[in-house]
Amino acid sequence: MPFQAPHKPLPSNKSLKQKQKQKQKQKQKQKQKQKQKQKQKQKQKQKQLQEQNKHEKMKPAL
């Protein structure tokens, strides 16, 4: 008889579901991180614009 590799059992539905849940959680975490980064960037831009507007208002008109 030729050599056969040992049979590897198929993954159970439970383990597959757990893996899918883990992947979904990771994706959600990444999305939340990206949203937070975007919010922080927008806040920084708004602060910069406000500072520029303050400086422009403080300058005397020529």
N, C-alpha and C. Protein backbone atom coordinates (compact mmCIF):
# COMPACT_ATOMS: atom_id res chain seq x y z
N MET A 1 0.84 -1.19 0.00
CA MET A 1 0.00 0.00 0.00
C MET A 1 0.88 1.25 0.00
N PRO A 2 0.49 2.22 -0.79
CA PRO A 2 1.26 3.48 -0.78
C PRO A 2 1.02 4.25 0.51
N PHE A 3 2.01 5.06 0.83
CA PHE A 3 1.92 5.86 2.06
C PHE A 3 0.83 6.92 1.92
N GLN A 4 -0.01 7.04 2.92
CA GLN A 4 -1.04 8.07 2.95
C GLN A 4 -0.77 9.01 4.11
N ALA A 5 -0.95 10.29 3.84
CA ALA A 5 -0.79 11.27 4.90
C ALA A 5 -1.90 11.07 5.92
N PRO A 6 -1.63 11.36 7.17
CA PRO A 6 -2.69 11.21 8.17
C PRO A 6 -3.87 12.12 7.85
N HIS A 7 -5.04 11.60 8.09
CA HIS A 7 -6.25 12.35 7.78
C HIS A 7 -6.39 13.53 8.73
N LYS A 8 -6.59 14.68 8.16
CA LYS A 8 -6.78 15.88 8.98
C LYS A 8 -8.28 16.12 9.10
N PRO A 9 -8.80 16.17 10.31
CA PRO A 9 -10.25 16.34 10.46
C PRO A 9 -10.70 17.71 9.96
N LEU A 10 -11.89 17.74 9.42
CA LEU A 10 -12.45 19.00 8.94
C LEU A 10 -12.81 19.87 10.14
N PRO A 11 -12.68 21.19 9.98
CA PRO A 11 -13.03 22.07 11.11
C PRO A 11 -14.53 22.01 11.39
N SER A 12 -14.86 22.11 12.64
CA SER A 12 -16.28 22.05 13.00
C SER A 12 -16.93 23.40 12.72
N ASN A 13 -18.24 23.39 12.64
CA ASN A 13 -18.97 24.63 12.41
C ASN A 13 -18.71 25.64 13.52
N LYS A 14 -18.57 25.13 14.73
CA LYS A 14 -18.36 26.00 15.88
C LYS A 14 -17.04 26.78 15.73
N SER A 15 -15.99 26.06 15.35
CA SER A 15 -14.69 26.73 15.21
C SER A 15 -14.72 27.71 14.04
N LEU A 16 -15.42 27.36 12.97
CA LEU A 16 -15.52 28.27 11.82
C LEU A 16 -16.26 29.54 12.22
N LYS A 17 -17.33 29.37 12.98
CA LYS A 17 -18.11 30.53 13.43
C LYS A 17 -17.26 31.42 14.33
N GLN A 18 -16.46 30.81 15.20
CA GLN A 18 -15.60 31.58 16.10
C GLN A 18 -14.57 32.38 15.30
N LYS A 19 -14.00 31.76 14.29
CA LYS A 19 -13.01 32.46 13.45
C LYS A 19 -13.66 33.63 12.73
N GLN A 20 -14.88 33.42 12.22
CA GLN A 20 -15.58 34.50 11.53
C GLN A 20 -15.88 35.65 12.48
N LYS A 21 -16.29 35.32 13.71
CA LYS A 21 -16.58 36.36 14.70
C LYS A 21 -15.32 37.16 15.01
N GLN A 22 -14.20 36.46 15.16
CA GLN A 22 -12.94 37.14 15.45
C GLN A 22 -12.55 38.08 14.31
N LYS A 23 -12.73 37.62 13.08
CA LYS A 23 -12.40 38.46 11.93
C LYS A 23 -13.29 39.70 11.90
N GLN A 24 -14.59 39.50 12.17
CA GLN A 24 -15.52 40.62 12.17
C GLN A 24 -15.16 41.62 13.26
N LYS A 25 -14.79 41.13 14.44
CA LYS A 25 -14.40 42.01 15.53
C LYS A 25 -13.17 42.83 15.15
N GLN A 26 -12.20 42.17 14.53
CA GLN A 26 -10.98 42.87 14.12
C GLN A 26 -11.30 43.94 13.09
N LYS A 27 -12.18 43.62 12.13
CA LYS A 27 -12.56 44.60 11.12
C LYS A 27 -13.26 45.79 11.75
N GLN A 28 -14.14 45.52 12.70
CA GLN A 28 -14.86 46.59 13.37
C GLN A 28 -13.90 47.48 14.15
N LYS A 29 -12.93 46.88 14.82
CA LYS A 29 -11.94 47.65 15.57
C LYS A 29 -11.14 48.53 14.63
N GLN A 30 -10.74 47.99 13.49
CA GLN A 30 -9.97 48.77 12.52
C GLN A 30 -10.80 49.93 12.00
N LYS A 31 -12.08 49.68 11.71
CA LYS A 31 -12.95 50.74 11.22
C LYS A 31 -13.10 51.83 12.26
N GLN A 32 -13.26 51.44 13.53
CA GLN A 32 -13.41 52.42 14.59
C GLN A 32 -12.13 53.25 14.74
N LYS A 33 -10.99 52.61 14.64
CA LYS A 33 -9.72 53.33 14.73
C LYS A 33 -9.60 54.34 13.59
N GLN A 34 -9.97 53.92 12.39
CA GLN A 34 -9.90 54.82 11.24
C GLN A 34 -10.85 56.00 11.42
N LYS A 35 -12.05 55.74 11.92
CA LYS A 35 -13.01 56.82 12.15
C LYS A 35 -12.47 57.80 13.18
N GLN A 36 -11.87 57.28 14.25
CA GLN A 36 -11.31 58.14 15.28
C GLN A 36 -10.18 58.99 14.72
N LYS A 37 -9.33 58.40 13.90
CA LYS A 37 -8.24 59.15 13.29
C LYS A 37 -8.78 60.27 12.41
N GLN A 38 -9.82 59.96 11.62
CA GLN A 38 -10.42 60.96 10.75
C GLN A 38 -11.03 62.08 11.56
N LYS A 39 -11.70 61.75 12.65
CA LYS A 39 -12.31 62.76 13.51
C LYS A 39 -11.23 63.67 14.10
N GLN A 40 -10.13 63.07 14.55
CA GLN A 40 -9.04 63.85 15.12
C GLN A 40 -8.44 64.78 14.08
N LYS A 41 -8.26 64.29 12.86
CA LYS A 41 -7.72 65.13 11.79
C LYS A 41 -8.65 66.29 11.50
N GLN A 42 -9.96 66.02 11.46
CA GLN A 42 -10.93 67.07 11.19
C GLN A 42 -10.92 68.11 12.30
N LYS A 43 -10.82 67.67 13.55
CA LYS A 43 -10.77 68.59 14.68
C LYS A 43 -9.53 69.47 14.60
N GLN A 44 -8.40 68.87 14.24
CA GLN A 44 -7.16 69.63 14.12
C GLN A 44 -7.27 70.67 13.02
N LYS A 45 -7.86 70.29 11.88
CA LYS A 45 -8.04 71.23 10.78
C LYS A 45 -8.94 72.38 11.20
N GLN A 46 -10.01 72.07 11.92
CA GLN A 46 -10.92 73.11 12.37
C GLN A 46 -10.22 74.06 13.33
N LYS A 47 -9.41 73.51 14.23
CA LYS A 47 -8.67 74.35 15.17
C LYS A 47 -7.71 75.27 14.42
N GLN A 48 -7.03 74.73 13.42
CA GLN A 48 -6.09 75.54 12.65
C GLN A 48 -6.83 76.66 11.93
N LEU A 49 -7.97 76.35 11.35
CA LEU A 49 -8.75 77.37 10.65
C LEU A 49 -9.23 78.44 11.62
N GLN A 50 -9.65 78.03 12.81
CA GLN A 50 -10.09 79.00 13.81
C GLN A 50 -8.94 79.90 14.22
N GLU A 51 -7.77 79.33 14.40
CA GLU A 51 -6.59 80.13 14.77
C GLU A 51 -6.25 81.12 13.66
N GLN A 52 -6.31 80.67 12.42
CA GLN A 52 -6.03 81.56 11.29
C GLN A 52 -7.05 82.69 11.25
N ASN A 53 -8.31 82.37 11.47
CA ASN A 53 -9.35 83.39 11.46
C ASN A 53 -9.13 84.40 12.58
N LYS A 54 -8.71 83.94 13.75
CA LYS A 54 -8.45 84.84 14.87
C LYS A 54 -7.33 85.80 14.51
N HIS A 55 -6.26 85.27 13.92
CA HIS A 55 -5.12 86.10 13.57
C HIS A 55 -5.50 87.12 12.49
N GLU A 56 -6.34 86.70 11.55
CA GLU A 56 -6.76 87.61 10.49
C GLU A 56 -7.63 88.72 11.06
N LYS A 57 -8.46 88.42 12.02
CA LYS A 57 -9.32 89.42 12.64
C LYS A 57 -8.51 90.40 13.46
N MET A 58 -7.44 89.92 14.07
CA MET A 58 -6.61 90.77 14.93
C MET A 58 -5.76 91.73 14.10
N LYS A 59 -5.47 91.40 12.86
CA LYS A 59 -4.64 92.26 12.02
C LYS A 59 -5.42 93.53 11.68
N PRO A 60 -4.77 94.68 11.75
CA PRO A 60 -5.47 95.91 11.37
C PRO A 60 -5.69 95.97 9.86
N ALA A 61 -6.80 96.49 9.47
CA ALA A 61 -7.12 96.60 8.05
C ALA A 61 -6.27 97.70 7.44
N LEU A 62 -5.73 97.48 6.28
CA LEU A 62 -4.89 98.49 5.62
C LEU A 62 -5.68 99.33 4.66
